[in-house]
Amino acid sequence: MARFLPLFPLGIVVFPGEKLNLHIFEPRYKQLVSECFEQKKTFGIPAFINNAVSSLGTEIKILSIEKTYANGEMDIKTKGMGIIKVVDFFKQAPNKFYPAGTVEDIKTSNREDSLLRAKITESIRQLYSILGINNLFMELPDNYKIFDIAHHIGFSIEQEYEILQCQDESSRQEIVFAHLQRILPVLLKTEKLKDRVRMNGHFKNIVPPNF
């Protein structure tokens, strides 16, 4: 069922369950945040890609206003909830400065492929090892979902939006695994090239061929 929701288009993809900290400085969005916080209402963040408001986004709950500045700007903490489809977008809600739209809730499934999950886990560990950021993945729980890692594997915003479009976890897994299979060989070659560059100028103990 369609419903009316304040909207805050941004050039990012927000996933369900994601914690997002925002600095609010535009007058129209200061109004949006103030009203939503006071009235305990949610708002939506549709992705703004290629100079257009995308049809999908995520409903956002304001957790807290951490700081309010003298000029009315705010630092807020939020959390992504469910995925929404923007049916109609309005640059201004009636008698408001901020955008809004009619939206519908998108249902998704957590059905996953356990074997593919294990392959993804190993591939990410390999990726982070190459990049020297092992500690990042160690913080994730054993029951992590693709939404938990999609910002941390080198996706473009278009690829993140593709993840948002998937209606089940197994489809998201397939996209992530295909991406990792593409980039890992390239990174491994880069590491080998770096090692060869480091060797230049060193005294080399090379065994000559026996002929």
N, C-alpha and C. Protein backbone atom coordinates (compact mmCIF):
# COMPACT_ATOMS: atom_id res chain seq x y z
N MET A 1 0.84 -1.20 0.00
CA MET A 1 0.00 0.00 0.00
C MET A 1 0.88 1.25 0.00
N ALA A 2 0.56 2.18 -0.87
CA ALA A 2 1.35 3.41 -0.99
C ALA A 2 1.08 4.33 0.20
N ARG A 3 2.11 5.05 0.60
CA ARG A 3 1.97 6.03 1.69
C ARG A 3 2.86 7.22 1.38
N PHE A 4 2.60 8.33 2.05
CA PHE A 4 3.34 9.57 1.82
C PHE A 4 4.51 9.64 2.79
N LEU A 5 5.69 9.99 2.28
CA LEU A 5 6.89 10.00 3.13
C LEU A 5 7.82 11.14 2.75
N PRO A 6 8.34 11.90 3.73
CA PRO A 6 9.38 12.88 3.44
C PRO A 6 10.59 12.18 2.82
N LEU A 7 11.25 12.83 1.87
CA LEU A 7 12.38 12.22 1.18
C LEU A 7 13.61 13.11 1.22
N PHE A 8 14.76 12.48 1.32
CA PHE A 8 16.05 13.16 1.43
C PHE A 8 17.01 12.49 0.44
N PRO A 9 16.89 12.82 -0.87
CA PRO A 9 17.76 12.17 -1.86
C PRO A 9 19.23 12.49 -1.60
N LEU A 10 20.07 11.46 -1.67
CA LEU A 10 21.50 11.63 -1.48
C LEU A 10 22.26 10.78 -2.50
N GLY A 11 23.47 11.18 -2.79
CA GLY A 11 24.31 10.44 -3.73
C GLY A 11 24.97 9.24 -3.10
N ILE A 12 24.23 8.49 -2.32
CA ILE A 12 24.71 7.28 -1.68
C ILE A 12 23.59 6.25 -1.70
N VAL A 13 23.97 4.99 -1.47
CA VAL A 13 22.98 3.93 -1.27
C VAL A 13 23.02 3.55 0.21
N VAL A 14 21.88 3.61 0.86
CA VAL A 14 21.77 3.21 2.26
C VAL A 14 21.08 1.85 2.31
N PHE A 15 21.63 0.94 3.12
CA PHE A 15 21.07 -0.40 3.21
C PHE A 15 20.26 -0.58 4.49
N PRO A 16 19.29 -1.47 4.48
CA PRO A 16 18.57 -1.79 5.72
C PRO A 16 19.53 -2.26 6.81
N GLY A 17 19.34 -1.74 8.02
CA GLY A 17 20.20 -2.10 9.13
C GLY A 17 21.44 -1.24 9.27
N GLU A 18 21.73 -0.42 8.27
CA GLU A 18 22.95 0.39 8.28
C GLU A 18 22.82 1.57 9.24
N LYS A 19 23.86 1.82 10.02
CA LYS A 19 23.93 3.01 10.87
C LYS A 19 24.59 4.12 10.05
N LEU A 20 23.95 5.26 9.99
CA LEU A 20 24.43 6.36 9.15
C LEU A 20 24.41 7.65 9.95
N ASN A 21 25.57 8.30 10.02
CA ASN A 21 25.69 9.61 10.67
C ASN A 21 25.67 10.70 9.60
N LEU A 22 24.86 11.71 9.82
CA LEU A 22 24.71 12.77 8.82
C LEU A 22 24.86 14.15 9.47
N HIS A 23 25.47 15.06 8.72
CA HIS A 23 25.50 16.48 9.11
C HIS A 23 24.47 17.19 8.25
N ILE A 24 23.49 17.78 8.87
CA ILE A 24 22.38 18.42 8.17
C ILE A 24 22.61 19.93 8.14
N PHE A 25 22.68 20.49 6.92
CA PHE A 25 22.99 21.92 6.83
C PHE A 25 22.04 22.69 5.91
N GLU A 26 21.39 22.03 4.95
CA GLU A 26 20.46 22.74 4.07
C GLU A 26 19.17 23.06 4.82
N PRO A 27 18.61 24.27 4.62
CA PRO A 27 17.38 24.65 5.33
C PRO A 27 16.24 23.65 5.14
N ARG A 28 16.05 23.14 3.92
CA ARG A 28 14.92 22.23 3.68
C ARG A 28 15.08 20.93 4.45
N TYR A 29 16.32 20.47 4.60
CA TYR A 29 16.53 19.21 5.31
C TYR A 29 16.63 19.41 6.83
N LYS A 30 16.97 20.63 7.23
CA LYS A 30 16.88 20.95 8.66
C LYS A 30 15.41 20.89 9.08
N GLN A 31 14.54 21.39 8.22
CA GLN A 31 13.10 21.33 8.50
C GLN A 31 12.63 19.88 8.53
N LEU A 32 13.08 19.08 7.56
CA LEU A 32 12.68 17.67 7.49
C LEU A 32 13.08 16.92 8.75
N VAL A 33 14.34 17.07 9.14
CA VAL A 33 14.84 16.33 10.29
C VAL A 33 14.15 16.79 11.57
N SER A 34 13.99 18.09 11.74
CA SER A 34 13.34 18.62 12.95
C SER A 34 11.93 18.07 13.09
N GLU A 35 11.17 18.10 12.00
CA GLU A 35 9.79 17.63 12.06
C GLU A 35 9.72 16.12 12.30
N CYS A 36 10.56 15.36 11.60
CA CYS A 36 10.54 13.90 11.76
C CYS A 36 10.95 13.50 13.18
N PHE A 37 11.93 14.20 13.74
CA PHE A 37 12.39 13.86 15.08
C PHE A 37 11.32 14.21 16.12
N GLU A 38 10.74 15.40 15.99
CA GLU A 38 9.73 15.84 16.96
C GLU A 38 8.48 14.97 16.90
N GLN A 39 8.12 14.56 15.69
CA GLN A 39 6.88 13.78 15.51
C GLN A 39 7.14 12.27 15.48
N LYS A 40 8.40 11.89 15.70
CA LYS A 40 8.79 10.48 15.71
C LYS A 40 8.39 9.77 14.42
N LYS A 41 8.67 10.46 13.31
CA LYS A 41 8.36 9.91 11.99
C LYS A 41 9.64 9.52 11.26
N THR A 42 9.51 8.69 10.28
CA THR A 42 10.64 8.28 9.45
C THR A 42 10.67 9.12 8.18
N PHE A 43 11.78 9.00 7.45
CA PHE A 43 11.88 9.60 6.12
C PHE A 43 12.62 8.63 5.22
N GLY A 44 12.67 8.92 3.94
CA GLY A 44 13.33 8.03 3.00
C GLY A 44 14.56 8.65 2.38
N ILE A 45 15.57 7.83 2.12
CA ILE A 45 16.75 8.28 1.36
C ILE A 45 16.81 7.48 0.07
N PRO A 46 16.25 8.03 -1.01
CA PRO A 46 16.44 7.39 -2.31
C PRO A 46 17.80 7.77 -2.87
N ALA A 47 18.42 6.83 -3.57
CA ALA A 47 19.74 7.11 -4.14
C ALA A 47 19.62 8.12 -5.28
N PHE A 48 20.54 9.09 -5.29
CA PHE A 48 20.60 10.08 -6.37
C PHE A 48 21.76 9.69 -7.28
N ILE A 49 21.44 9.09 -8.42
CA ILE A 49 22.45 8.55 -9.33
C ILE A 49 22.26 9.13 -10.73
N ASN A 50 23.35 9.54 -11.36
CA ASN A 50 23.30 10.11 -12.71
C ASN A 50 22.32 11.29 -12.79
N ASN A 51 22.41 12.15 -11.78
CA ASN A 51 21.61 13.37 -11.73
C ASN A 51 20.11 13.11 -11.71
N ALA A 52 19.73 11.98 -11.14
CA ALA A 52 18.30 11.66 -11.05
C ALA A 52 18.00 10.93 -9.75
N VAL A 53 16.79 11.14 -9.23
CA VAL A 53 16.34 10.44 -8.04
C VAL A 53 15.93 9.02 -8.45
N SER A 54 16.57 8.03 -7.88
CA SER A 54 16.27 6.64 -8.23
C SER A 54 14.94 6.21 -7.66
N SER A 55 14.41 5.13 -8.21
CA SER A 55 13.09 4.66 -7.79
C SER A 55 13.15 3.88 -6.48
N LEU A 56 14.36 3.44 -6.08
CA LEU A 56 14.48 2.70 -4.83
C LEU A 56 15.30 3.47 -3.81
N GLY A 57 14.99 3.24 -2.56
CA GLY A 57 15.74 3.85 -1.46
C GLY A 57 15.48 3.08 -0.19
N THR A 58 15.86 3.65 0.92
CA THR A 58 15.70 3.00 2.21
C THR A 58 15.01 3.94 3.19
N GLU A 59 14.07 3.39 3.93
CA GLU A 59 13.40 4.18 4.96
C GLU A 59 14.35 4.37 6.14
N ILE A 60 14.36 5.56 6.70
CA ILE A 60 15.34 5.93 7.71
C ILE A 60 14.67 6.35 9.02
N LYS A 61 15.20 5.82 10.11
CA LYS A 61 14.74 6.21 11.44
C LYS A 61 15.81 7.06 12.10
N ILE A 62 15.43 8.19 12.67
CA ILE A 62 16.38 9.04 13.39
C ILE A 62 16.57 8.47 14.79
N LEU A 63 17.80 8.11 15.12
CA LEU A 63 18.09 7.58 16.45
C LEU A 63 18.30 8.69 17.46
N SER A 64 19.02 9.73 17.03
CA SER A 64 19.30 10.84 17.95
C SER A 64 19.81 12.05 17.18
N ILE A 65 19.60 13.22 17.76
CA ILE A 65 20.27 14.45 17.28
C ILE A 65 21.42 14.67 18.22
N GLU A 66 22.62 14.44 17.74
CA GLU A 66 23.80 14.48 18.60
C GLU A 66 24.22 15.90 18.95
N LYS A 67 24.03 16.81 17.99
CA LYS A 67 24.45 18.20 18.24
C LYS A 67 23.64 19.14 17.36
N THR A 68 23.22 20.25 17.93
CA THR A 68 22.57 21.31 17.17
C THR A 68 23.42 22.56 17.27
N TYR A 69 23.78 23.11 16.11
CA TYR A 69 24.65 24.28 16.05
C TYR A 69 23.82 25.57 16.13
N ALA A 70 24.52 26.68 16.36
CA ALA A 70 23.84 27.97 16.52
C ALA A 70 23.05 28.36 15.27
N ASN A 71 23.54 27.95 14.10
CA ASN A 71 22.86 28.28 12.85
C ASN A 71 21.78 27.26 12.47
N GLY A 72 21.50 26.33 13.35
CA GLY A 72 20.45 25.35 13.10
C GLY A 72 20.92 24.06 12.45
N GLU A 73 22.20 24.01 12.08
CA GLU A 73 22.72 22.77 11.50
C GLU A 73 22.76 21.69 12.59
N MET A 74 22.72 20.43 12.15
CA MET A 74 22.63 19.32 13.10
C MET A 74 23.52 18.15 12.71
N ASP A 75 24.01 17.45 13.72
CA ASP A 75 24.65 16.15 13.53
C ASP A 75 23.67 15.11 14.05
N ILE A 76 23.28 14.18 13.19
CA ILE A 76 22.28 13.19 13.60
C ILE A 76 22.78 11.78 13.37
N LYS A 77 22.26 10.85 14.16
CA LYS A 77 22.52 9.42 13.98
C LYS A 77 21.23 8.77 13.51
N THR A 78 21.34 7.94 12.48
CA THR A 78 20.16 7.31 11.91
C THR A 78 20.41 5.82 11.67
N LYS A 79 19.35 5.12 11.35
CA LYS A 79 19.46 3.71 11.02
C LYS A 79 18.52 3.37 9.87
N GLY A 80 19.05 2.61 8.90
CA GLY A 80 18.23 2.18 7.77
C GLY A 80 17.25 1.10 8.19
N MET A 81 16.05 1.20 7.66
CA MET A 81 15.02 0.20 7.97
C MET A 81 14.75 -0.63 6.71
N GLY A 82 13.54 -0.57 6.17
CA GLY A 82 13.23 -1.37 4.99
C GLY A 82 13.48 -0.63 3.69
N ILE A 83 13.43 -1.38 2.60
CA ILE A 83 13.59 -0.81 1.27
C ILE A 83 12.25 -0.28 0.78
N ILE A 84 12.29 0.89 0.15
CA ILE A 84 11.08 1.51 -0.36
C ILE A 84 11.21 1.78 -1.86
N LYS A 85 10.08 1.78 -2.53
CA LYS A 85 10.01 2.17 -3.94
C LYS A 85 9.29 3.50 -4.02
N VAL A 86 9.91 4.46 -4.70
CA VAL A 86 9.31 5.79 -4.85
C VAL A 86 8.37 5.74 -6.06
N VAL A 87 7.08 5.80 -5.78
CA VAL A 87 6.08 5.75 -6.85
C VAL A 87 5.93 7.12 -7.51
N ASP A 88 5.83 8.15 -6.68
CA ASP A 88 5.75 9.54 -7.18
C ASP A 88 6.68 10.40 -6.35
N PHE A 89 7.46 11.24 -7.02
CA PHE A 89 8.40 12.13 -6.33
C PHE A 89 7.98 13.57 -6.51
N PHE A 90 7.97 14.32 -5.40
CA PHE A 90 7.62 15.73 -5.43
C PHE A 90 8.79 16.53 -4.87
N LYS A 91 9.23 17.54 -5.61
CA LYS A 91 10.35 18.35 -5.16
C LYS A 91 10.05 19.08 -3.86
N GLN A 92 8.77 19.33 -3.61
CA GLN A 92 8.36 19.95 -2.35
C GLN A 92 7.08 19.30 -1.85
N ALA A 93 7.10 18.91 -0.58
CA ALA A 93 5.87 18.44 0.04
C ALA A 93 4.94 19.65 0.23
N PRO A 94 3.64 19.44 0.32
CA PRO A 94 2.72 20.57 0.49
C PRO A 94 3.08 21.44 1.70
N ASN A 95 3.28 22.71 1.45
CA ASN A 95 3.59 23.70 2.50
C ASN A 95 4.89 23.42 3.23
N LYS A 96 5.81 22.71 2.58
CA LYS A 96 7.11 22.40 3.16
C LYS A 96 8.22 22.79 2.19
N PHE A 97 9.44 22.85 2.71
CA PHE A 97 10.59 23.12 1.86
C PHE A 97 11.17 21.84 1.27
N TYR A 98 11.03 20.73 2.00
CA TYR A 98 11.71 19.50 1.63
C TYR A 98 10.91 18.64 0.64
N PRO A 99 11.59 17.74 -0.07
CA PRO A 99 10.91 16.83 -1.00
C PRO A 99 10.13 15.75 -0.26
N ALA A 100 9.26 15.11 -0.99
CA ALA A 100 8.48 14.00 -0.44
C ALA A 100 8.00 13.13 -1.59
N GLY A 101 7.30 12.08 -1.26
CA GLY A 101 6.79 11.22 -2.31
C GLY A 101 5.86 10.16 -1.78
N THR A 102 5.15 9.53 -2.67
CA THR A 102 4.38 8.35 -2.30
C THR A 102 5.30 7.15 -2.50
N VAL A 103 5.34 6.28 -1.52
CA VAL A 103 6.26 5.15 -1.55
C VAL A 103 5.53 3.86 -1.23
N GLU A 104 6.13 2.76 -1.66
CA GLU A 104 5.63 1.43 -1.33
C GLU A 104 6.77 0.63 -0.70
N ASP A 105 6.43 -0.24 0.24
CA ASP A 105 7.43 -1.09 0.86
C ASP A 105 7.79 -2.24 -0.07
N ILE A 106 9.09 -2.56 -0.13
CA ILE A 106 9.58 -3.67 -0.94
C ILE A 106 9.94 -4.83 0.00
N LYS A 107 9.34 -5.97 -0.24
CA LYS A 107 9.62 -7.14 0.58
C LYS A 107 10.86 -7.86 0.04
N THR A 108 11.74 -8.27 0.94
CA THR A 108 12.93 -9.03 0.55
C THR A 108 13.02 -10.30 1.39
N SER A 109 13.78 -11.26 0.86
CA SER A 109 13.94 -12.54 1.54
C SER A 109 15.38 -12.71 2.01
N ASN A 110 15.57 -13.35 3.16
CA ASN A 110 16.91 -13.64 3.68
C ASN A 110 17.41 -15.02 3.26
N ARG A 111 16.71 -15.65 2.33
CA ARG A 111 17.14 -16.97 1.84
C ARG A 111 18.53 -16.86 1.22
N GLU A 112 19.47 -17.68 1.70
CA GLU A 112 20.84 -17.58 1.23
C GLU A 112 21.39 -18.93 0.83
N ASP A 113 22.52 -18.90 0.14
CA ASP A 113 23.26 -20.10 -0.27
C ASP A 113 24.43 -20.26 0.71
N SER A 114 24.38 -21.27 1.56
CA SER A 114 25.40 -21.43 2.60
C SER A 114 26.79 -21.71 2.01
N LEU A 115 26.84 -22.47 0.92
CA LEU A 115 28.13 -22.77 0.29
C LEU A 115 28.73 -21.50 -0.32
N LEU A 116 27.89 -20.72 -0.96
CA LEU A 116 28.37 -19.47 -1.56
C LEU A 116 28.79 -18.50 -0.47
N ARG A 117 28.11 -18.53 0.64
CA ARG A 117 28.46 -17.68 1.77
C ARG A 117 29.88 -17.98 2.25
N ALA A 118 30.23 -19.26 2.33
CA ALA A 118 31.57 -19.65 2.77
C ALA A 118 32.63 -19.17 1.77
N LYS A 119 32.32 -19.24 0.49
CA LYS A 119 33.26 -18.78 -0.54
C LYS A 119 33.44 -17.26 -0.46
N ILE A 120 32.35 -16.57 -0.21
CA ILE A 120 32.42 -15.10 -0.09
C ILE A 120 33.27 -14.72 1.11
N THR A 121 33.05 -15.41 2.22
CA THR A 121 33.80 -15.12 3.44
C THR A 121 35.30 -15.28 3.20
N GLU A 122 35.69 -16.37 2.57
CA GLU A 122 37.10 -16.62 2.30
C GLU A 122 37.65 -15.58 1.32
N SER A 123 36.87 -15.22 0.32
CA SER A 123 37.32 -14.24 -0.67
C SER A 123 37.52 -12.87 -0.04
N ILE A 124 36.64 -12.51 0.89
CA ILE A 124 36.77 -11.21 1.56
C ILE A 124 37.99 -11.19 2.47
N ARG A 125 38.22 -12.29 3.16
CA ARG A 125 39.43 -12.38 4.00
C ARG A 125 40.68 -12.21 3.14
N GLN A 126 40.66 -12.81 1.96
CA GLN A 126 41.80 -12.68 1.05
C GLN A 126 41.93 -11.24 0.56
N LEU A 127 40.81 -10.63 0.25
CA LEU A 127 40.81 -9.23 -0.21
C LEU A 127 41.40 -8.31 0.86
N TYR A 128 40.92 -8.46 2.10
CA TYR A 128 41.38 -7.59 3.17
C TYR A 128 42.83 -7.86 3.54
N SER A 129 43.27 -9.10 3.35
CA SER A 129 44.67 -9.43 3.60
C SER A 129 45.57 -8.71 2.61
N ILE A 130 45.17 -8.72 1.35
CA ILE A 130 45.94 -8.02 0.31
C ILE A 130 45.99 -6.52 0.59
N LEU A 131 44.85 -5.98 1.02
CA LEU A 131 44.75 -4.54 1.26
C LEU A 131 45.29 -4.12 2.63
N GLY A 132 45.57 -5.10 3.48
CA GLY A 132 46.11 -4.79 4.80
C GLY A 132 45.09 -4.23 5.75
N ILE A 133 43.83 -4.66 5.62
CA ILE A 133 42.77 -4.16 6.51
C ILE A 133 42.01 -5.33 7.12
N ASN A 134 42.72 -6.31 7.59
CA ASN A 134 42.10 -7.52 8.14
C ASN A 134 41.14 -7.23 9.29
N ASN A 135 41.44 -6.22 10.10
CA ASN A 135 40.63 -5.96 11.28
C ASN A 135 39.20 -5.58 10.95
N LEU A 136 38.96 -5.00 9.76
CA LEU A 136 37.63 -4.55 9.39
C LEU A 136 36.64 -5.71 9.32
N PHE A 137 37.05 -6.80 8.67
CA PHE A 137 36.14 -7.92 8.51
C PHE A 137 35.98 -8.70 9.81
N MET A 138 36.99 -8.69 10.65
CA MET A 138 36.93 -9.44 11.90
C MET A 138 35.82 -8.93 12.81
N GLU A 139 35.40 -7.69 12.61
CA GLU A 139 34.38 -7.11 13.47
C GLU A 139 32.98 -7.61 13.14
N LEU A 140 32.79 -8.23 11.98
CA LEU A 140 31.47 -8.68 11.57
C LEU A 140 31.07 -9.97 12.27
N PRO A 141 29.80 -10.11 12.61
CA PRO A 141 29.34 -11.35 13.25
C PRO A 141 29.28 -12.49 12.25
N ASP A 142 29.19 -13.71 12.77
CA ASP A 142 29.14 -14.89 11.90
C ASP A 142 27.90 -14.89 11.02
N ASN A 143 26.83 -14.27 11.48
CA ASN A 143 25.58 -14.27 10.71
C ASN A 143 25.41 -13.00 9.87
N TYR A 144 26.53 -12.43 9.43
CA TYR A 144 26.46 -11.19 8.64
C TYR A 144 25.65 -11.40 7.36
N LYS A 145 25.08 -10.32 6.87
CA LYS A 145 24.36 -10.32 5.60
C LYS A 145 25.12 -9.47 4.58
N ILE A 146 24.76 -9.63 3.32
CA ILE A 146 25.43 -8.86 2.26
C ILE A 146 25.30 -7.36 2.50
N PHE A 147 24.16 -6.92 3.03
CA PHE A 147 24.01 -5.50 3.34
C PHE A 147 25.09 -5.01 4.30
N ASP A 148 25.62 -5.90 5.15
CA ASP A 148 26.63 -5.51 6.14
C ASP A 148 28.00 -5.28 5.52
N ILE A 149 28.25 -5.88 4.36
CA ILE A 149 29.59 -5.81 3.77
C ILE A 149 29.64 -5.05 2.44
N ALA A 150 28.48 -4.74 1.89
CA ALA A 150 28.43 -4.19 0.53
C ALA A 150 29.18 -2.86 0.37
N HIS A 151 29.30 -2.09 1.47
CA HIS A 151 30.05 -0.82 1.40
C HIS A 151 31.55 -1.04 1.51
N HIS A 152 31.99 -2.27 1.78
CA HIS A 152 33.39 -2.50 2.14
C HIS A 152 34.13 -3.45 1.20
N ILE A 153 33.64 -3.57 -0.03
CA ILE A 153 34.31 -4.48 -0.98
C ILE A 153 34.61 -3.81 -2.31
N GLY A 154 34.62 -2.49 -2.31
CA GLY A 154 35.03 -1.77 -3.52
C GLY A 154 33.95 -1.58 -4.56
N PHE A 155 32.70 -1.63 -4.17
CA PHE A 155 31.60 -1.41 -5.10
C PHE A 155 31.51 0.06 -5.49
N SER A 156 31.07 0.31 -6.72
CA SER A 156 30.67 1.65 -7.13
C SER A 156 29.25 1.88 -6.62
N ILE A 157 28.76 3.11 -6.69
CA ILE A 157 27.40 3.38 -6.24
C ILE A 157 26.39 2.63 -7.10
N GLU A 158 26.71 2.46 -8.40
CA GLU A 158 25.81 1.71 -9.28
C GLU A 158 25.72 0.24 -8.86
N GLN A 159 26.85 -0.33 -8.45
CA GLN A 159 26.85 -1.72 -7.99
C GLN A 159 26.10 -1.85 -6.66
N GLU A 160 26.27 -0.88 -5.79
CA GLU A 160 25.52 -0.90 -4.53
C GLU A 160 24.02 -0.81 -4.78
N TYR A 161 23.66 -0.02 -5.76
CA TYR A 161 22.24 0.11 -6.10
C TYR A 161 21.70 -1.21 -6.66
N GLU A 162 22.54 -1.92 -7.41
CA GLU A 162 22.14 -3.23 -7.93
C GLU A 162 21.85 -4.19 -6.78
N ILE A 163 22.66 -4.10 -5.72
CA ILE A 163 22.42 -4.92 -4.53
C ILE A 163 21.07 -4.57 -3.90
N LEU A 164 20.77 -3.28 -3.84
CA LEU A 164 19.51 -2.83 -3.25
C LEU A 164 18.31 -3.35 -4.04
N GLN A 165 18.49 -3.56 -5.34
CA GLN A 165 17.41 -4.02 -6.20
C GLN A 165 17.09 -5.50 -6.02
N CYS A 166 18.03 -6.26 -5.48
CA CYS A 166 17.82 -7.71 -5.32
C CYS A 166 16.76 -7.98 -4.25
N GLN A 167 15.91 -8.94 -4.51
CA GLN A 167 14.83 -9.22 -3.58
C GLN A 167 15.11 -10.40 -2.66
N ASP A 168 16.27 -11.04 -2.80
CA ASP A 168 16.62 -12.11 -1.87
C ASP A 168 18.14 -12.14 -1.65
N GLU A 169 18.55 -12.71 -0.54
CA GLU A 169 19.95 -12.71 -0.13
C GLU A 169 20.82 -13.50 -1.10
N SER A 170 20.31 -14.61 -1.62
CA SER A 170 21.13 -15.42 -2.53
C SER A 170 21.50 -14.65 -3.80
N SER A 171 20.58 -13.82 -4.29
CA SER A 171 20.90 -13.00 -5.47
C SER A 171 21.98 -11.98 -5.14
N ARG A 172 21.91 -11.41 -3.95
CA ARG A 172 22.94 -10.46 -3.53
C ARG A 172 24.28 -11.18 -3.39
N GLN A 173 24.26 -12.41 -2.89
CA GLN A 173 25.49 -13.20 -2.76
C GLN A 173 26.14 -13.43 -4.11
N GLU A 174 25.35 -13.75 -5.11
CA GLU A 174 25.88 -14.02 -6.45
C GLU A 174 26.59 -12.80 -7.02
N ILE A 175 26.00 -11.63 -6.83
CA ILE A 175 26.61 -10.39 -7.34
C ILE A 175 27.93 -10.12 -6.63
N VAL A 176 27.94 -10.28 -5.31
CA VAL A 176 29.15 -10.02 -4.53
C VAL A 176 30.26 -11.00 -4.90
N PHE A 177 29.93 -12.28 -5.00
CA PHE A 177 30.95 -13.28 -5.31
C PHE A 177 31.54 -13.04 -6.70
N ALA A 178 30.69 -12.71 -7.68
CA ALA A 178 31.17 -12.42 -9.04
C ALA A 178 32.12 -11.22 -9.03
N HIS A 179 31.78 -10.22 -8.24
CA HIS A 179 32.63 -9.03 -8.12
C HIS A 179 33.98 -9.39 -7.52
N LEU A 180 33.97 -10.18 -6.47
CA LEU A 180 35.23 -10.57 -5.81
C LEU A 180 36.09 -11.43 -6.73
N GLN A 181 35.45 -12.28 -7.51
CA GLN A 181 36.20 -13.12 -8.46
C GLN A 181 36.85 -12.29 -9.55
N ARG A 182 36.27 -11.16 -9.86
CA ARG A 182 36.86 -10.28 -10.88
C ARG A 182 38.03 -9.47 -10.34
N ILE A 183 37.89 -8.96 -9.11
CA ILE A 183 38.91 -8.03 -8.64
C ILE A 183 40.10 -8.70 -7.96
N LEU A 184 39.90 -9.90 -7.37
CA LEU A 184 41.00 -10.54 -6.65
C LEU A 184 42.20 -10.86 -7.54
N PRO A 185 42.00 -11.44 -8.73
CA PRO A 185 43.16 -11.69 -9.59
C PRO A 185 43.92 -10.42 -9.96
N VAL A 186 43.19 -9.32 -10.15
CA VAL A 186 43.84 -8.04 -10.49
C VAL A 186 44.67 -7.55 -9.32
N LEU A 187 44.13 -7.65 -8.11
CA LEU A 187 44.87 -7.21 -6.92
C LEU A 187 46.09 -8.09 -6.66
N LEU A 188 45.96 -9.38 -6.90
CA LEU A 188 47.09 -10.30 -6.71
C LEU A 188 48.22 -9.96 -7.68
N LYS A 189 47.86 -9.65 -8.92
CA LYS A 189 48.87 -9.25 -9.91
C LYS A 189 49.54 -7.95 -9.49
N THR A 190 48.74 -7.04 -8.93
CA THR A 190 49.30 -5.76 -8.48
C THR A 190 50.29 -5.98 -7.34
N GLU A 191 49.95 -6.89 -6.42
CA GLU A 191 50.85 -7.20 -5.31
C GLU A 191 52.15 -7.79 -5.81
N LYS A 192 52.06 -8.69 -6.78
CA LYS A 192 53.27 -9.30 -7.35
C LYS A 192 54.12 -8.25 -8.04
N LEU A 193 53.46 -7.30 -8.73
CA LEU A 193 54.19 -6.22 -9.39
C LEU A 193 54.89 -5.35 -8.36
N LYS A 194 54.23 -5.08 -7.25
CA LYS A 194 54.85 -4.28 -6.19
C LYS A 194 56.07 -4.99 -5.63
N ASP A 195 55.97 -6.31 -5.47
CA ASP A 195 57.11 -7.08 -4.97
C ASP A 195 58.28 -7.02 -5.94
N ARG A 196 57.99 -7.09 -7.24
CA ARG A 196 59.06 -7.03 -8.24
C ARG A 196 59.72 -5.66 -8.26
N VAL A 197 58.91 -4.62 -8.08
CA VAL A 197 59.46 -3.26 -8.05
C VAL A 197 60.36 -3.09 -6.84
N ARG A 198 59.95 -3.66 -5.69
CA ARG A 198 60.77 -3.56 -4.48
C ARG A 198 62.12 -4.25 -4.65
N MET A 199 62.16 -5.29 -5.48
CA MET A 199 63.39 -6.05 -5.68
C MET A 199 64.42 -5.30 -6.53
N ASN A 200 63.97 -4.36 -7.34
CA ASN A 200 64.89 -3.61 -8.19
C ASN A 200 65.89 -2.84 -7.33
N GLY A 201 67.17 -2.96 -7.69
CA GLY A 201 68.22 -2.27 -6.95
C GLY A 201 68.83 -3.10 -5.85
N HIS A 202 68.21 -4.24 -5.51
CA HIS A 202 68.76 -5.11 -4.48
C HIS A 202 69.81 -6.04 -5.10
N PHE A 203 70.73 -6.53 -4.29
CA PHE A 203 71.65 -7.55 -4.75
C PHE A 203 70.87 -8.86 -4.91
N LYS A 204 70.96 -9.44 -6.08
CA LYS A 204 70.16 -10.61 -6.38
C LYS A 204 71.02 -11.87 -6.37
N ASN A 205 70.57 -12.86 -5.65
CA ASN A 205 71.25 -14.16 -5.62
C ASN A 205 70.49 -15.09 -6.55
N ILE A 206 70.82 -15.06 -7.82
CA ILE A 206 70.08 -15.80 -8.84
C ILE A 206 70.93 -16.97 -9.32
N VAL A 207 70.35 -18.15 -9.28
CA VAL A 207 71.06 -19.34 -9.74
C VAL A 207 71.01 -19.37 -11.26
N PRO A 208 72.17 -19.43 -11.93
CA PRO A 208 72.17 -19.45 -13.39
C PRO A 208 71.68 -20.79 -13.90
N PRO A 209 71.16 -20.81 -15.11
CA PRO A 209 70.71 -22.07 -15.69
C PRO A 209 71.89 -23.02 -15.94
N ASN A 210 71.64 -24.29 -15.80
CA ASN A 210 72.66 -25.32 -16.02
C ASN A 210 72.55 -25.86 -17.44
N PHE A 211 73.45 -25.40 -18.33
CA PHE A 211 73.42 -25.92 -19.72
C PHE A 211 74.84 -26.05 -20.26
